[in-house]
Amino acid sequence: MKKIAHVMTIIGMVATAIATESDYRFSDMNVEGEIQGENIIFTLKCNIDVSRRNVTVPIITSEKAAFIDGTIPHRSRLEWNENTYSLSFTRAYSGTISFKFACRAEKSGDWRVAKFYLPMATITKISILCDRQDFEVQLPGALNIKREKLQDGRLRVSASLTATNQLAIVWKPEIRRLEGELAVACEANTIAVATVGALRLDTVLNYRIIQGKLSKITLKLPPKLNITQITGHNIQSWNIDRTDSNTPKLVINLTTPQISIYTLRIESELAIPQLPCSIEIPAIIPENVLRTSGFLMVGTDSAIKLQVEKQAGLTQIDP
């Protein structure tokens, strides 16, 4: 019978003590942050001198911080206790450390706030890199704040922090709309209902403003189309310009210029002769837009039979 040897290895743990400020010193401290939308990641780089062994040195204090990666000195270990990341040294040390971590931002209206506590240093250099140049960034308590627009479309904010170990970064996207020539896309959706004596149309136009401000809407109308009702927000006035009798235009003025999305509803009707008859479905055409798209639905609320004779301008027909 073979004997099985049981081997037990006993590892001795050396007790460490929380260091006092006389046990360590930080220098050349740099904090680099990178903002991506509502998220931010930091990298702390600095020199540290630990004068004795078996001490624990606090590095980052924040209940919202999460360690990602870093350069940890040999014969030291990273610890997490009471919302603080610390380095526990088993011997004296002099060298560089690197500590990369994420910090979950708090929401305050449109603003995002990330804050944490650093080791005390004479001067802490801060550099925040934003993925867009339209970000508004604040560094409360920091000095010599500079903003630098980079060639790759990003923004760098740099500053210095003195006489405090709390670092707070406050930011908000500040999207500046382009001023200049109006650029608008429009989607026009029309439902036409044939009845005895009239063709009733209900058209909904969705304007998407890409650049500039929309303060006036102009649409081409079929000559015999009668407008019965117009619905939309911030309508100041509307009228039909019949200078060209063959192509009348509906002109709508808005009280407040629109910069994003605007929806307009136009109800109209066209008189039709005695049945049976052949008519052309009237189209309300937006002017001064980059492109138009949408759908046309034709139906009837009575026993009238509809038959499509021509399909010009339609890309898909569903019977």
Foldseek 3Di string as FASTA:
>chain_A
DDDDDDDDDDDDDDAAEADDPVQKAKPPWEKEWEDDPQWIKIKIKTKMWGNFARHKYWFKADQQKDWDDKDADPQWDWDDDNRTIIITGGGTDTGMIMTMIIGHWDDDPQKTKGKIFGPAHAKYKYKYKYPAPQKDKDKPQWAPWDWDQDPVHIIMIITMHHDGGMTMMMMGRHDDAAADDWEKEKEKAKEWADDFFKIKIKIKIKIFTPGHWAFKWKKKWALQKAWDDKDWPQWPDWDWACPPSRTIMIMTGGNDTDHGMTMMMTIIMGTDDGPPDDDDDIDIGTPPYPYYHYYYHYYYPDPDDDDDDDDPPDDDDDD
